[in-house]
Protein backbone atom coordinates (compact mmCIF):
# COMPACT_ATOMS: atom_id res chain seq x y z
CA MET A 1 0.00 0.00 0.00
CA GLY A 2 2.82 2.35 0.89
CA GLY A 3 4.46 1.86 -2.53
CA ARG A 4 1.24 2.76 -4.36
CA GLN A 5 0.81 5.93 -2.23
CA TRP A 6 4.38 6.93 -3.10
CA GLN A 7 3.65 6.52 -6.82
CA TYR A 8 0.48 8.65 -6.52
CA GLY A 9 2.37 11.37 -4.65
CA THR A 10 5.15 11.42 -7.25
CA GLY A 11 2.57 11.75 -10.03
CA VAL A 12 0.89 14.71 -8.33
CA VAL A 13 4.24 16.50 -7.89
CA LEU A 14 5.09 16.02 -11.58
CA VAL A 15 1.68 17.34 -12.69
CA VAL A 16 2.05 20.45 -10.52
CA LEU A 17 5.56 21.05 -11.86
CA LEU A 18 4.41 20.77 -15.49
CA VAL A 19 1.50 23.16 -14.90
CA TRP A 20 3.84 25.68 -13.28
CA LEU A 21 6.29 25.49 -16.20
CA ALA A 22 3.51 25.85 -18.80
CA THR A 23 1.87 28.86 -17.13
CA PRO A 24 2.72 32.15 -18.97
CA TRP A 25 3.84 34.08 -15.89
CA PRO A 26 4.02 37.87 -16.47
CA LEU A 27 7.53 39.23 -16.90
CA SER A 28 8.92 41.39 -14.17
CA ALA A 29 9.25 45.07 -15.04
CA ALA A 30 12.46 45.33 -13.06
CA VAL A 31 15.60 46.76 -14.77
CA ALA A 32 17.74 44.09 -16.47
CA GLU A 33 20.74 43.12 -14.40
CA ALA A 34 24.19 42.74 -15.92
CA GLY A 35 25.54 39.22 -15.67
CA ARG A 36 22.05 37.77 -15.18
CA ASP A 37 19.95 39.19 -18.02
CA TYR A 38 22.72 40.21 -20.39
CA LEU A 39 26.52 40.22 -20.77
CA LEU A 40 28.60 43.32 -21.41
CA VAL A 41 32.23 42.86 -22.39
CA GLY A 42 34.90 45.46 -23.09
CA ALA A 43 35.01 48.98 -21.71
CA ALA A 44 34.75 52.58 -22.82
CA THR A 45 37.87 53.97 -24.45
CA ASN A 46 39.44 57.29 -25.33
CA GLU A 47 41.63 55.74 -28.06
CA PRO A 48 41.17 57.58 -31.37
CA THR A 49 40.31 55.76 -34.58
CA PRO A 50 43.56 54.49 -36.15
CA HIS A 51 44.60 56.76 -38.98
CA ARG A 52 47.94 56.90 -40.66
CA ALA A 53 48.83 59.79 -42.89
CA CYS A 54 50.83 59.18 -46.05
CA THR A 55 54.45 60.27 -45.81
CA PRO A 56 56.98 60.73 -48.61
CA GLU A 57 58.92 57.74 -47.29
CA MET A 58 55.85 55.51 -47.71
CA LEU A 59 55.31 56.66 -51.28
CA ALA A 60 58.95 56.37 -52.38
CA GLY A 61 60.00 54.04 -55.15
CA PRO A 62 58.35 53.08 -58.43
CA ARG A 63 54.60 53.56 -58.23
CA GLN A 64 51.55 53.60 -60.46
CA GLN A 65 48.59 55.96 -60.05
CA VAL A 66 45.08 56.08 -61.52
CA GLN A 67 42.07 58.34 -61.24
CA VAL A 68 38.64 56.84 -60.69
CA SER A 69 36.49 59.46 -62.34
CA ALA A 70 32.97 60.46 -61.44
CA PRO A 71 30.05 59.50 -63.73
CA ALA A 72 29.22 61.85 -66.56
CA GLY A 73 26.61 63.65 -64.48
CA GLY A 74 28.80 63.85 -61.39
CA TRP A 75 28.55 62.01 -58.12
CA SER A 76 25.05 61.29 -56.77
CA GLY A 77 25.71 62.66 -53.29
CA GLN A 78 25.45 59.15 -51.76
CA PRO A 79 28.34 57.40 -49.94
CA GLN A 80 30.85 55.79 -52.28
CA ALA A 81 33.19 52.93 -51.28
CA LEU A 82 36.39 52.13 -53.13
CA ASP A 83 38.23 48.92 -52.22
CA VAL A 84 41.66 47.95 -53.61
CA PHE A 85 42.65 44.26 -53.78
CA ASN A 86 45.58 42.17 -55.01
CA VAL A 87 48.38 44.51 -53.98
CA PHE A 88 51.04 42.16 -52.66
CA ALA A 89 53.65 44.62 -51.42
CA GLY A 90 54.10 48.24 -50.44
CA GLU A 91 51.68 50.99 -49.47
CA VAL A 92 48.35 51.66 -51.16
CA ARG A 93 47.14 55.26 -51.15
CA VAL A 94 43.44 56.04 -51.61
CA GLN A 95 42.38 59.71 -51.62
CA HIS A 96 39.25 61.71 -52.27
CA GLY A 97 39.25 65.39 -51.42
CA ASP A 98 40.64 65.82 -47.95
CA ARG A 99 40.09 62.15 -47.06
CA GLU A 100 43.16 60.01 -47.48
CA ILE A 101 44.35 56.62 -46.27
CA CYS A 102 47.65 54.81 -46.66
CA GLY A 103 47.32 51.10 -45.96
CA ASN A 104 49.58 48.06 -46.05
CA MET A 105 48.18 44.59 -46.71
CA HIS A 106 50.52 43.12 -44.13
CA ASP A 107 49.30 45.28 -41.23
CA ALA A 108 45.53 45.45 -40.71
CA ARG A 109 45.98 48.28 -38.20
CA THR A 110 46.88 50.64 -41.05
CA ARG A 111 43.61 50.03 -42.93
CA ASP A 112 40.00 51.11 -42.53
CA SER A 113 38.47 48.43 -40.26
CA ARG A 114 35.42 48.18 -42.53
CA PHE A 115 37.63 46.52 -45.16
CA ARG A 116 39.36 43.28 -44.22
CA ALA A 117 40.66 41.75 -47.45
CA GLY A 118 41.56 44.99 -49.21
CA ILE A 119 42.46 48.62 -48.58
CA GLY A 120 39.36 50.76 -48.86
CA LEU A 121 37.93 54.21 -48.30
CA VAL A 122 34.35 55.44 -47.91
CA ALA A 123 33.67 59.03 -48.98
CA VAL A 124 30.55 61.14 -49.61
CA PRO A 125 31.26 63.32 -52.65
CA PRO A 126 28.90 66.30 -52.99
CA ALA A 127 26.08 65.82 -55.48
CA GLY A 128 27.17 66.87 -58.95
CA SER A 129 30.87 66.90 -57.97
CA HIS A 130 33.36 65.52 -60.47
CA GLU A 131 36.34 65.20 -58.13
CA PRO A 132 37.92 61.79 -58.77
CA PHE A 133 39.30 59.21 -56.38
CA LEU A 134 43.08 58.99 -56.58
CA VAL A 135 44.68 55.58 -56.09
CA SER A 136 48.38 54.70 -56.19
CA TRP A 137 50.35 51.54 -55.44
CA GLN A 138 53.77 50.05 -55.78
CA THR A 139 54.57 48.90 -59.31
CA PRO A 140 53.85 45.14 -59.58
CA LEU A 141 56.76 42.79 -60.17
CA LYS A 142 54.94 40.77 -62.82
CA ALA A 143 52.73 41.71 -65.74
CA ARG A 144 49.01 41.12 -65.18
CA TRP A 145 49.53 40.78 -61.42
CA VAL A 146 47.68 44.08 -61.17
CA PRO A 147 45.39 45.52 -58.49
CA THR A 148 41.60 45.22 -58.63
CA LEU A 149 39.56 48.31 -57.74
CA ARG A 150 35.93 47.84 -56.74
CA LEU A 151 33.67 50.92 -56.61
CA GLY A 152 30.10 51.00 -55.36
CA ALA A 153 27.78 51.44 -52.42
CA PRO A 154 29.49 50.66 -49.10
CA SER A 155 27.34 47.64 -48.22
CA PRO A 156 27.91 45.43 -51.31
CA VAL A 157 31.57 46.46 -51.53
CA GLN A 158 32.12 45.50 -47.89
CA GLN A 159 30.22 42.23 -48.37
CA ASN A 160 32.47 41.33 -51.29
CA ASP A 161 35.49 42.21 -49.16
CA THR A 162 34.25 39.98 -46.31
CA ALA A 163 33.57 37.08 -48.68
CA ARG A 164 37.15 37.29 -49.96
CA LEU A 165 38.47 37.23 -46.40
CA LEU A 166 36.37 34.15 -45.58
CA VAL A 167 37.68 32.25 -48.61
CA ARG A 168 41.29 33.15 -47.79
CA ALA A 169 40.93 32.21 -44.12
CA ALA A 170 39.05 28.99 -44.97
CA CYS A 171 41.86 27.83 -47.27
CA ILE A 172 44.42 28.33 -44.52
CA ALA A 173 42.15 26.59 -41.99
CA VAL A 174 41.77 23.57 -44.29
CA ALA A 175 45.54 23.41 -44.76
CA ILE A 176 46.13 23.48 -41.01
CA ALA A 177 43.50 20.75 -40.49
CA LEU A 178 45.20 18.57 -43.13
CA ALA A 179 48.58 19.11 -41.44
CA LEU A 180 47.16 18.08 -38.05
CA SER A 181 45.62 14.99 -39.63
CA ALA A 182 48.99 14.12 -41.17
CA LEU A 183 50.63 14.59 -37.77
CA MET A 184 48.19 12.09 -36.23
CA ALA A 185 48.96 9.67 -39.06
CA PHE A 186 52.71 10.05 -38.47
CA LEU A 187 52.34 9.39 -34.75
CA THR A 188 50.43 6.23 -35.62
CA THR A 189 52.60 4.91 -38.48
CA ARG A 190 55.98 6.66 -38.04
CA ASP A 191 56.03 7.08 -41.83
CA ARG A 192 58.33 10.00 -42.68
CA SER A 193 56.27 10.85 -45.76
CA PHE A 194 53.76 12.48 -43.44
CA LEU A 195 56.49 14.69 -41.96
CA VAL A 196 57.41 15.87 -45.47
CA TYR A 197 53.74 16.62 -46.09
CA ILE A 198 53.51 18.59 -42.83
CA ALA A 199 56.61 20.64 -43.72
CA GLY A 200 55.25 21.40 -47.19
CA THR A 201 51.87 22.38 -45.77
CA ALA A 202 53.50 24.72 -43.26
CA VAL A 203 55.38 26.52 -46.06
CA LEU A 204 52.19 26.81 -48.11
CA VAL A 205 50.29 28.20 -45.12
CA LEU A 206 52.88 30.95 -44.74
CA TRP A 207 52.80 31.61 -48.49
CA GLN A 208 49.00 31.93 -48.44
CA ALA A 209 49.16 34.24 -45.42
CA ILE A 210 51.56 36.58 -47.26
CA LEU A 211 49.66 36.35 -50.55
CA GLY A 212 46.26 37.13 -49.04
CA GLY A 213 47.36 39.62 -46.42
CA LEU A 214 46.36 37.45 -43.46
CA SER A 215 49.91 37.79 -42.16
CA GLY A 216 48.81 41.18 -40.83
CA TYR A 217 45.35 40.28 -39.57
CA PRO A 218 44.18 41.27 -36.99
CA GLU A 219 47.72 42.35 -36.12
CA PRO A 220 51.02 41.44 -37.80
CA TRP A 221 52.20 37.98 -36.71
CA LEU A 222 54.97 37.81 -39.31
CA PRO A 223 57.68 40.52 -39.48
CA VAL A 224 56.85 41.49 -43.06
CA GLY A 225 56.75 45.26 -42.78
CA GLU A 226 57.72 46.95 -46.04
CA ARG A 227 59.42 43.82 -47.40
CA GLY A 228 56.29 42.04 -48.59
CA ALA A 229 57.71 41.46 -52.08
CA TRP A 230 60.81 39.74 -50.68
CA TRP A 231 58.72 37.54 -48.39
CA LEU A 232 56.33 36.59 -51.18
CA LEU A 233 59.07 35.65 -53.68
CA SER A 234 61.08 33.74 -51.10
CA LEU A 235 58.07 31.69 -49.99
CA THR A 236 57.05 31.19 -53.63
CA ALA A 237 60.46 29.64 -54.37
CA ALA A 238 60.22 27.44 -51.25
CA SER A 239 56.67 26.40 -52.19
CA GLN A 240 57.73 25.44 -55.70
CA ALA A 241 60.62 23.44 -54.27
CA LEU A 242 58.06 21.22 -52.52
CA VAL A 243 55.07 21.41 -54.88
CA LEU A 244 56.75 20.65 -58.22
CA PRO A 245 58.45 17.39 -57.09
CA ALA A 246 55.19 16.41 -55.39
CA LEU A 247 53.26 16.92 -58.64
CA TRP A 248 55.88 14.88 -60.51
CA ARG A 249 55.51 11.99 -58.07
CA LEU A 250 51.72 12.19 -57.86
CA ASN A 251 51.57 11.88 -61.65
CA GLY A 252 53.74 8.77 -61.69
CA GLY A 253 57.07 10.32 -62.65
CA ASP A 254 59.03 8.21 -60.15
CA ARG A 255 57.40 5.01 -61.39
CA LEU A 256 57.90 5.72 -65.08
CA LEU A 257 61.32 7.39 -64.83
CA PRO A 258 63.06 6.10 -61.69
CA ARG A 259 66.32 7.79 -62.75
CA SER A 260 64.69 11.22 -62.51
CA ARG A 261 65.34 11.44 -58.77
CA PRO A 262 68.66 13.33 -59.12
CA VAL A 263 66.91 15.93 -61.29
CA GLN A 264 64.16 16.28 -58.67
CA LEU A 265 66.74 16.81 -55.94
CA LEU A 266 68.56 19.37 -58.09
CA ALA A 267 65.33 21.32 -58.61
CA LEU A 268 64.47 21.03 -54.91
CA TRP A 269 67.78 22.32 -53.60
CA GLY A 270 68.09 24.93 -56.35
CA LEU A 271 64.72 26.48 -55.48
CA LEU A 272 65.46 26.30 -51.75
CA ALA A 273 68.77 28.07 -52.35
CA LEU A 274 66.93 30.73 -54.35
CA ALA A 275 64.44 31.13 -51.48
CA ALA A 276 67.32 31.74 -49.09
CA TRP A 277 69.00 34.18 -51.49
CA VAL A 278 65.97 36.36 -52.26
CA PRO A 279 66.01 38.38 -48.98
CA TRP A 280 69.46 39.72 -49.91
CA LEU A 281 68.51 40.98 -53.37
CA GLN A 282 67.89 44.58 -54.40
CA TRP A 283 64.46 45.68 -55.60
CA ASN A 284 65.59 45.87 -59.22
CA SER A 285 66.51 42.17 -59.20
CA LEU A 286 63.17 40.95 -57.85
CA ALA A 287 61.39 41.24 -61.21
CA TRP A 288 63.90 38.84 -62.77
CA VAL A 289 63.36 36.37 -59.93
CA ALA A 290 59.58 36.64 -60.37
CA GLN A 291 59.87 35.90 -64.08
CA GLY A 292 62.20 32.97 -63.42
CA LEU A 293 59.78 31.49 -60.91
CA GLN A 294 56.98 31.88 -63.44
CA VAL A 295 59.00 29.91 -66.00
CA SER A 296 59.90 27.15 -63.50
CA TYR A 297 56.23 26.88 -62.47
CA LEU A 298 55.02 26.54 -66.07
CA LEU A 299 57.79 24.06 -66.89
CA GLY A 300 57.10 21.95 -63.80
CA CYS A 301 53.33 21.84 -64.43
CA GLY A 302 53.89 20.99 -68.10
CA LEU A 303 56.26 18.10 -67.32
CA ALA A 304 53.91 16.80 -64.61
CA LEU A 305 51.01 16.88 -67.08
CA MET A 306 52.94 14.98 -69.75
CA VAL A 307 54.16 12.28 -67.39
CA GLY A 308 50.68 11.99 -65.83
CA VAL A 309 49.01 11.45 -69.20
CA TRP A 310 51.75 8.97 -70.16
CA ALA A 311 51.30 7.06 -66.89
CA ARG A 312 47.53 7.00 -67.30
CA LEU A 313 47.80 5.66 -70.85
CA ARG A 314 50.03 2.89 -69.52
CA GLY A 315 47.33 1.89 -67.03
CA ASP A 316 48.71 3.56 -63.90
CA ARG A 317 45.50 4.30 -61.98
CA TRP A 318 47.42 6.05 -59.20
CA ALA A 319 48.26 8.87 -61.62
CA GLN A 320 44.61 9.95 -61.48
CA ALA A 321 45.21 11.73 -58.18
CA GLY A 322 48.14 13.63 -59.72
CA LEU A 323 46.13 14.73 -62.75
CA ALA A 324 43.27 15.79 -60.48
CA ALA A 325 45.68 17.81 -58.31
CA LEU A 326 47.11 19.46 -61.43
CA ALA A 327 43.75 20.35 -63.00
CA PRO A 328 43.04 23.66 -61.15
CA MET A 329 46.56 24.89 -61.86
CA LEU A 330 46.17 24.14 -65.55
CA VAL A 331 42.87 26.08 -65.55
CA LEU A 332 44.63 29.09 -64.02
CA ILE A 333 47.49 28.88 -66.54
CA LEU A 334 45.03 28.79 -69.45
CA ALA A 335 42.94 31.61 -67.96
CA ASP A 336 46.06 33.74 -67.58
CA ALA A 337 47.06 33.03 -71.17
CA CYS A 338 43.56 34.04 -72.33
CA ARG A 339 43.69 37.18 -70.17
CA ALA A 340 40.52 36.19 -68.31
CA THR A 341 39.03 39.10 -66.35
CA TRP A 342 37.82 36.87 -63.51
CA LEU A 343 41.39 35.77 -62.82
CA LEU A 344 42.55 39.39 -62.58
CA GLU A 345 39.81 40.09 -60.07
CA TYR A 346 40.09 36.95 -57.96
CA ARG A 347 43.70 35.86 -58.47
CA VAL A 348 44.48 35.47 -54.76
CA GLU A 349 41.39 33.38 -54.03
CA ALA A 350 41.92 31.25 -57.16
CA LEU A 351 45.54 30.53 -56.24
CA GLN A 352 44.66 29.65 -52.66
CA LEU A 353 41.83 27.35 -53.74
CA SER A 354 44.10 25.55 -56.22
CA VAL A 355 46.77 25.06 -53.55
CA THR A 356 44.17 23.79 -51.08
CA TRP A 357 42.94 21.30 -53.68
CA LEU A 358 46.55 20.18 -54.25
CA LEU A 359 47.00 19.56 -50.52
CA MET A 360 43.78 17.55 -50.42
CA MET A 361 44.87 15.40 -53.36
CA ALA A 362 48.30 14.90 -51.79
CA ALA A 363 46.64 13.84 -48.55
CA TYR A 364 44.44 11.44 -50.53
CA ALA A 365 47.51 9.97 -52.24
CA LEU A 366 49.28 9.58 -48.90
CA ASN A 367 46.28 7.78 -47.43
CA GLN A 368 46.14 5.54 -50.49
CA ARG A 369 49.84 4.80 -50.04
CA LEU A 370 49.25 4.04 -46.37
CA GLY A 371 46.40 1.72 -47.35
CA ARG A 372 48.65 -0.13 -49.79
CA LEU A 373 51.34 -0.49 -47.12
CA ARG A 374 48.80 -1.87 -44.67
CA GLN A 375 47.50 -4.27 -47.31
CA GLN A 376 51.02 -5.48 -48.04
CA ARG A 377 51.67 -5.84 -44.31
CA ASP A 378 48.47 -7.87 -43.92
CA GLU A 379 49.39 -10.04 -46.89
CA LEU A 380 52.86 -10.68 -45.44
CA ARG A 381 51.31 -11.49 -42.08
CA GLN A 382 48.87 -13.83 -43.80
CA LEU A 383 51.74 -15.55 -45.58
CA ALA A 384 53.69 -15.81 -42.33
CA GLU A 385 50.73 -17.32 -40.46
CA THR A 386 49.24 -19.57 -43.16
CA ASP A 387 50.32 -23.03 -44.26
CA GLY A 388 51.06 -22.80 -47.96
CA LEU A 389 49.78 -26.28 -48.86
CA THR A 390 46.49 -26.53 -46.97
CA GLY A 391 45.62 -22.85 -46.44
CA LEU A 392 45.14 -23.51 -42.74
CA PRO A 393 46.72 -21.40 -39.97
CA ASN A 394 50.24 -22.65 -39.27
CA ARG A 395 51.71 -23.63 -35.91
CA ARG A 396 52.67 -20.05 -35.02
CA ALA A 397 49.22 -18.63 -35.73
CA GLY A 398 47.50 -21.60 -34.09
CA LEU A 399 49.39 -21.21 -30.84
CA GLN A 400 48.57 -17.49 -30.78
CA GLN A 401 44.89 -18.29 -31.33
CA LEU A 402 44.99 -20.91 -28.57
CA ALA A 403 46.55 -18.39 -26.19
CA ARG A 404 43.72 -15.92 -26.94
CA HIS A 405 41.13 -18.64 -26.28
CA LEU A 406 42.79 -19.43 -22.96
CA GLU A 407 42.61 -15.76 -21.90
CA ARG A 408 38.92 -15.65 -22.85
CA VAL A 409 37.90 -18.83 -21.02
CA ASP A 410 39.78 -17.64 -17.93
CA ARG A 411 37.63 -14.49 -17.94
CA GLU A 412 34.35 -16.14 -18.88
CA ARG A 413 34.85 -19.46 -17.02
CA GLY A 414 33.75 -21.48 -20.05
CA PRO A 415 35.06 -24.84 -21.29
CA LEU A 416 37.81 -25.25 -23.86
CA VAL A 417 38.64 -28.58 -25.48
CA ILE A 418 41.42 -29.27 -27.97
CA GLY A 419 42.03 -32.24 -30.21
CA PHE A 420 45.49 -33.27 -31.41
CA LEU A 421 45.18 -35.21 -34.69
CA ASP A 422 47.81 -37.27 -36.48
CA ILE A 423 47.27 -39.06 -39.81
CA ASP A 424 48.04 -42.75 -39.30
CA LEU A 425 50.99 -44.26 -41.17
CA PHE A 426 51.53 -41.12 -43.22
CA LYS A 427 55.16 -42.04 -43.89
CA ASP A 428 54.00 -45.30 -45.44
CA ILE A 429 51.55 -43.36 -47.64
CA ASN A 430 54.42 -41.22 -48.94
CA ASP A 431 56.65 -44.23 -49.47
CA ARG A 432 54.03 -46.35 -51.27
CA HIS A 433 52.15 -43.72 -53.27
CA GLY A 434 54.60 -40.86 -53.57
CA HIS A 435 54.79 -37.40 -52.07
CA ALA A 436 52.29 -35.98 -54.56
CA VAL A 437 49.62 -38.30 -53.19
CA GLY A 438 50.77 -37.44 -49.68
CA ASP A 439 50.15 -33.77 -50.42
CA GLN A 440 46.71 -34.64 -51.80
CA VAL A 441 45.93 -36.47 -48.57
CA LEU A 442 46.95 -33.47 -46.47
CA VAL A 443 44.80 -31.14 -48.55
CA ALA A 444 41.82 -33.52 -48.43
CA VAL A 445 42.12 -33.90 -44.64
CA ALA A 446 42.35 -30.13 -44.18
CA ARG A 447 39.29 -29.60 -46.40
CA ALA A 448 37.31 -32.24 -44.49
CA LEU A 449 38.21 -30.75 -41.12
CA ARG A 450 37.36 -27.23 -42.20
CA ALA A 451 33.99 -28.30 -43.62
CA ALA A 452 32.95 -30.26 -40.53
CA VAL A 453 33.74 -27.92 -37.63
CA ARG A 454 31.69 -25.02 -36.29
CA SER A 455 32.46 -21.49 -37.44
CA GLN A 456 34.13 -20.50 -34.16
CA ASP A 457 36.31 -23.58 -34.13
CA GLN A 458 39.84 -23.41 -35.41
CA VAL A 459 41.73 -26.02 -37.42
CA VAL A 460 45.53 -25.64 -37.40
CA ARG A 461 48.24 -27.52 -39.23
CA MET A 462 50.94 -27.99 -36.63
CA GLY A 463 53.44 -29.46 -39.09
CA GLY A 464 53.85 -32.62 -41.11
CA GLU A 465 50.75 -34.77 -40.72
CA GLU A 466 49.69 -33.23 -37.38
CA PHE A 467 46.64 -30.99 -36.94
CA LEU A 468 45.21 -29.18 -33.94
CA LEU A 469 41.49 -28.52 -33.41
CA LEU A 470 40.32 -25.80 -31.01
CA MET A 471 36.78 -26.13 -29.64
CA PRO A 472 35.98 -23.26 -27.26
CA GLY A 473 32.65 -23.33 -25.42
CA MET A 474 31.98 -27.03 -26.15
CA PRO A 475 31.56 -29.55 -23.29
CA ARG A 476 34.00 -32.44 -23.25
CA GLU A 477 31.45 -35.13 -24.08
CA ALA A 478 30.15 -33.19 -27.10
CA ALA A 479 33.72 -32.47 -28.21
CA SER A 480 34.59 -36.17 -28.05
CA ALA A 481 31.60 -37.05 -30.24
CA ARG A 482 32.52 -34.25 -32.68
CA LEU A 483 36.10 -35.52 -32.95
CA ASP A 484 34.88 -39.05 -33.65
CA ARG A 485 32.70 -37.76 -36.52
CA LEU A 486 35.70 -35.84 -37.85
CA ARG A 487 37.71 -39.06 -37.81
CA GLN A 488 35.07 -40.68 -40.00
CA HIS A 489 35.04 -37.69 -42.38
CA ILE A 490 38.79 -38.07 -42.82
CA THR A 491 38.40 -41.71 -43.89
CA GLU A 492 35.70 -40.69 -46.37
CA ALA A 493 37.91 -37.89 -47.72
CA GLY A 494 40.67 -40.45 -48.39
CA ARG A 495 38.27 -42.64 -50.40
CA VAL A 496 37.26 -39.65 -52.54
CA LEU A 497 40.84 -39.43 -53.82
CA GLN A 498 40.31 -42.82 -55.55
CA VAL A 499 43.92 -43.91 -55.19
CA PRO A 500 44.16 -47.74 -55.33
CA GLY A 501 45.29 -49.21 -52.05
CA LEU A 502 45.07 -45.88 -50.20
CA GLU A 503 43.41 -45.88 -46.80
CA VAL A 504 43.46 -42.72 -44.70
CA THR A 505 42.76 -42.86 -40.97
CA ALA A 506 43.62 -40.61 -38.04
CA SER A 507 44.30 -40.90 -34.32
CA ILE A 508 43.06 -38.06 -32.15
CA GLY A 509 43.89 -37.14 -28.58
CA LEU A 510 41.50 -34.98 -26.54
CA ALA A 511 42.39 -32.66 -23.65
CA GLN A 512 40.36 -30.11 -21.70
CA TRP A 513 41.63 -26.87 -20.18
CA ARG A 514 41.92 -27.00 -16.39
CA PRO A 515 41.67 -23.50 -14.90
CA GLY A 516 44.26 -22.92 -12.20
CA GLU A 517 46.21 -26.08 -13.06
CA ASP A 518 47.13 -25.83 -16.75
CA ASP A 519 49.20 -23.63 -18.93
CA LEU A 520 49.33 -23.76 -22.72
CA ALA A 521 52.27 -26.13 -22.85
CA ALA A 522 50.71 -28.56 -20.32
CA LEU A 523 47.42 -28.62 -22.27
CA LEU A 524 49.23 -29.44 -25.52
CA ARG A 525 51.34 -32.13 -23.82
CA ARG A 526 48.24 -33.92 -22.49
CA ALA A 527 46.53 -33.79 -25.91
CA ASP A 528 49.69 -35.08 -27.64
CA HIS A 529 50.07 -37.86 -25.07
CA ALA A 530 46.42 -38.85 -25.54
CA MET A 531 46.97 -39.02 -29.31
CA TYR A 532 49.89 -41.45 -28.87
CA VAL A 533 47.76 -43.57 -26.53
CA ALA A 534 45.15 -43.76 -29.33
CA LYS A 535 47.86 -44.95 -31.76
CA ARG A 536 49.10 -47.63 -29.35
CA ALA A 537 45.53 -48.79 -28.85
CA GLY A 538 45.22 -49.63 -32.55
CA ARG A 539 44.95 -46.24 -34.38
CA ASN A 540 41.89 -44.76 -36.10
CA ARG A 541 40.25 -43.71 -32.85
CA VAL A 542 39.73 -40.83 -30.38
CA PHE A 543 41.19 -41.08 -26.90
CA ASP A 544 40.04 -38.80 -24.05
CA GLY A 545 43.14 -37.75 -22.16
CA GLU A 546 41.07 -36.65 -19.17
CA GLU A 547 40.29 -40.32 -18.45
CA LEU A 548 43.97 -41.17 -18.47
CA ASP A 549 44.96 -38.30 -16.18
CA PRO A 550 41.90 -37.03 -14.24
CA PRO A 551 42.08 -33.49 -12.81
CA GLY A 552 43.52 -33.16 -9.33
CA LEU A 553 45.63 -36.38 -9.36
CA ALA A 554 48.83 -34.52 -10.01
């Protein structure tokens, strides 16, 4: 009765609680309390908005300048935003009337905070005014690596700027995630290929950070300063030193031309030496380095494409990953040759996306390589643990399996019975009928044993004409009956061979695991001894070793 009253009381309490929670209680008119009703972070400041005036030192050196003119009827009187992208080095000056900004892509503190991927300015020209925007930048090192100027209403211009920043940051984030995944793979496999991949990814992350200006966002975390061109060319040379040999290998170059390794090493160390030499060059020499890197890039991609197509035509399916990795780069090369406008506008994002795709394909190829190594390891293990003639586990694998069964039955307190089987007069079979027939007998016996046992049982060839049967979870009486049926199957398997005068029989010794008394060696000794007792008793029979040596007599 008391239990039923407790259930009723619990039900009433739950009903009352649900009604209280469902009731639309009126909100209190009290003033919201900080920390309970809302969270305020930060504090008031007297720090002025960052603004950096242009100085003659900033604007020194070779520069280009353009005027962004007003429409034919003059400005509308609405706010106008002008954002400048794809300036890889030096100061960018944007001016309209008395508003002026000098910004550096490698230091976000020097730029208008409303623009994150470019250097922008928002101005409100008077209606009907024709005063142009003035924009100047450092002369680019390479033809067609020119700035992109976007003019329009502040909102869409800023949205475009933010989208560019997201793409650039996402590419770097993916590269870092791939490097961390490779690090986990190295810690698991100790394969040095993953360390090479991590080093290459780290260089490409730095290269992308310089290329897209993220090296200065939100504050400079690389000491680029006014030497952005030197940093970019040096990291470009280092990136090519790692990327071009990787493309060659991904496309099957090592497999088709194994003697190409010295040339790869020469290219690798030559580009790394150039990367180390660039910081010491004068500005006038950088354009030559940029052109040389352009030539090496085109040459490397062209050779990788040719060897990839060649490998694919020869049936090398692993070259598919290399051709897939190369595809975005080939698209960019063709677009540049065709002077595509979209590439001028989104060159940074296109380059970063192509590099990210390359890293993904390289990671895929590494994982495929790891899978092949694991498959080869498993095949070698299978060969090492399998009897070549019968396909059964060999003595080494069988003893390991028996040890695992012993650990399990010790935990679960279940029975474990083994049978030690020896083909009777097998030497006479070899002598009378030849070793070829002897091998046929072994194969037939193995096939008969495998077909007659339960799925969880194990049949092991211990060597010669000896076999071991593992029967976990089976009581001794049932195991004895099972072994006797197996003995009969062996005789039938010998008749199937239809060799005149051939008779195949087997003697089997049975032993059961004795928890607390046995070890593996003792269990095998008792089964082997029982098998020899069966032979002395006339062969072609099963002998239960537990009857010969009952537990506890020792």
